[in-house]
Protein backbone atom coordinates (compact mmCIF):
# COMPACT_ATOMS: atom_id res chain seq x y z
CA MET A 1 -1.59 -16.23 -8.15
CA THR A 2 0.16 -14.48 -10.98
CA ALA A 3 2.65 -11.66 -10.49
CA GLY A 4 0.03 -9.28 -11.92
CA SER A 5 -2.09 -9.76 -8.80
CA LEU A 6 0.56 -9.00 -6.19
CA LEU A 7 0.29 -5.88 -4.04
CA PHE A 8 3.29 -4.23 -2.37
CA ALA A 9 1.91 -2.86 0.90
CA TYR A 10 3.99 -0.46 2.99
CA GLY A 11 1.39 1.06 5.31
CA THR A 12 -2.04 0.31 6.71
CA LEU A 13 -2.75 -2.54 4.28
CA GLN A 14 -0.17 -4.58 6.22
CA ASP A 15 -2.44 -4.46 9.29
CA PRO A 16 -4.53 -7.65 9.66
CA ALA A 17 -7.50 -5.65 11.00
CA VAL A 18 -7.43 -3.36 7.96
CA GLN A 19 -7.07 -6.38 5.65
CA THR A 20 -10.10 -8.01 7.22
CA ALA A 21 -12.12 -4.79 6.87
CA VAL A 22 -11.08 -4.26 3.22
CA PHE A 23 -10.81 -7.83 1.88
CA GLY A 24 -12.89 -9.85 4.33
CA ARG A 25 -9.86 -11.87 5.43
CA ASP A 26 -6.37 -11.65 6.89
CA LEU A 27 -3.74 -11.81 4.11
CA ALA A 28 -0.87 -12.61 6.50
CA PRO A 29 1.92 -13.04 6.49
CA GLY A 30 2.95 -11.64 3.11
CA ALA A 31 6.49 -11.82 1.77
CA PRO A 32 8.92 -9.11 2.90
CA ASP A 33 10.39 -6.96 0.13
CA ARG A 34 11.55 -3.38 -0.49
CA LEU A 35 10.86 -0.73 -3.10
CA SER A 36 13.30 1.84 -4.48
CA GLY A 37 12.57 5.05 -6.38
CA PHE A 38 10.15 6.41 -3.81
CA ARG A 39 10.30 8.24 -0.52
CA LEU A 40 7.90 7.63 2.31
CA SER A 41 5.85 10.61 3.41
CA HIS A 42 2.54 11.14 5.25
CA ILE A 43 -0.81 12.76 4.63
CA PRO A 44 -3.31 13.72 7.35
CA VAL A 45 -6.27 11.52 8.19
CA ASP A 46 -9.29 13.70 7.43
CA ASP A 47 -11.90 11.44 9.03
CA LEU A 48 -12.30 11.95 12.78
CA GLN A 49 -14.04 8.60 13.13
CA ILE A 50 -10.99 6.79 11.70
CA THR A 51 -8.73 8.70 14.08
CA ALA A 52 -11.01 7.82 17.00
CA GLU A 53 -11.14 4.12 16.04
CA THR A 54 -7.48 3.64 15.12
CA GLY A 55 -5.53 6.46 16.72
CA LEU A 56 -4.07 7.33 13.31
CA ILE A 57 -3.57 10.98 12.52
CA HIS A 58 -1.50 10.40 9.34
CA TYR A 59 -1.49 7.83 6.55
CA PRO A 60 1.79 6.79 4.94
CA ILE A 61 2.14 7.60 1.23
CA LEU A 62 4.85 7.02 -1.37
CA ILE A 63 6.16 9.87 -3.48
CA PRO A 64 8.31 9.12 -6.56
CA THR A 65 11.82 10.51 -6.21
CA PRO A 66 14.85 10.61 -8.49
CA ASP A 67 17.05 10.97 -5.38
CA ALA A 68 18.88 8.07 -3.79
CA ALA A 69 16.33 7.57 -1.03
CA PRO A 70 16.53 4.48 1.17
CA PRO A 71 14.35 1.62 -0.08
CA VAL A 72 10.88 1.48 1.47
CA PRO A 73 10.19 -1.78 3.36
CA GLY A 74 6.90 -3.54 2.85
CA ARG A 75 5.25 -6.86 2.11
CA LEU A 76 3.88 -8.57 -0.98
CA TYR A 77 0.36 -9.97 -0.85
CA PRO A 78 -1.47 -11.97 -3.53
CA LEU A 79 -4.80 -10.39 -4.42
CA THR A 80 -7.71 -11.30 -6.65
CA PRO A 81 -9.11 -8.79 -9.17
CA ALA A 82 -12.00 -8.15 -6.74
CA ASP A 83 -9.46 -7.49 -3.96
CA LEU A 84 -7.74 -4.86 -6.10
CA ILE A 85 -11.07 -3.11 -6.67
CA ALA A 86 -11.68 -3.15 -2.90
CA ALA A 87 -8.17 -1.77 -2.29
CA ASP A 88 -8.77 1.01 -4.84
CA ALA A 89 -11.90 2.03 -2.94
CA TYR A 90 -10.09 1.88 0.39
CA GLU A 91 -7.16 4.02 -0.76
CA GLY A 92 -9.39 6.78 -2.12
CA GLU A 93 -8.54 9.83 -4.21
CA ALA A 94 -5.21 10.69 -2.55
CA TYR A 95 -3.63 7.53 -3.97
CA ARG A 96 -3.26 5.93 -7.38
CA ARG A 97 -2.29 2.35 -8.13
CA VAL A 98 0.81 1.84 -10.31
CA ARG A 99 2.92 -1.10 -11.46
CA VAL A 100 6.42 -1.40 -9.98
CA THR A 101 9.27 -3.87 -9.75
CA THR A 102 10.44 -4.52 -6.21
CA GLU A 103 14.04 -5.02 -5.13
CA ALA A 104 13.46 -8.79 -5.32
CA GLY A 105 12.60 -8.34 -9.01
CA VAL A 106 8.89 -9.00 -8.51
CA GLY A 107 6.24 -7.11 -10.49
CA ALA A 108 3.52 -5.75 -8.23
CA TRP A 109 0.94 -3.03 -7.76
CA VAL A 110 1.56 -0.26 -5.23
CA TYR A 111 -0.39 2.81 -4.13
CA VAL A 112 1.45 6.12 -4.51
CA VAL A 113 0.50 9.79 -4.28
CA ALA A 114 -2.15 10.66 -6.87
CA GLU A 115 -0.74 14.10 -7.64
CA GLY A 116 2.05 14.56 -10.17
């Protein structure tokens, strides 16, 4: 895979069950990495069925910050173009996909807050 098809996942996309539901396969294990320039926050889960099935009441979300926030831990996963389209649909309107460079110097896609 090329660097253009790597995804930095910091939340639910690290879960093998979510990966199987979104991509049709487990992406494990992924390479550990970290991302600076963002702070980790949460948004409420607005689907009662998801809460009932998973127990989640909040989704993690990255918010850009100029402050010296601690790096956000996550994992890098290689994805196909079709996988990225599936991930876009999974993340929904609260998130947008942007290009970043991780602390390891790797170019990757990541989902961040859609506002601002």
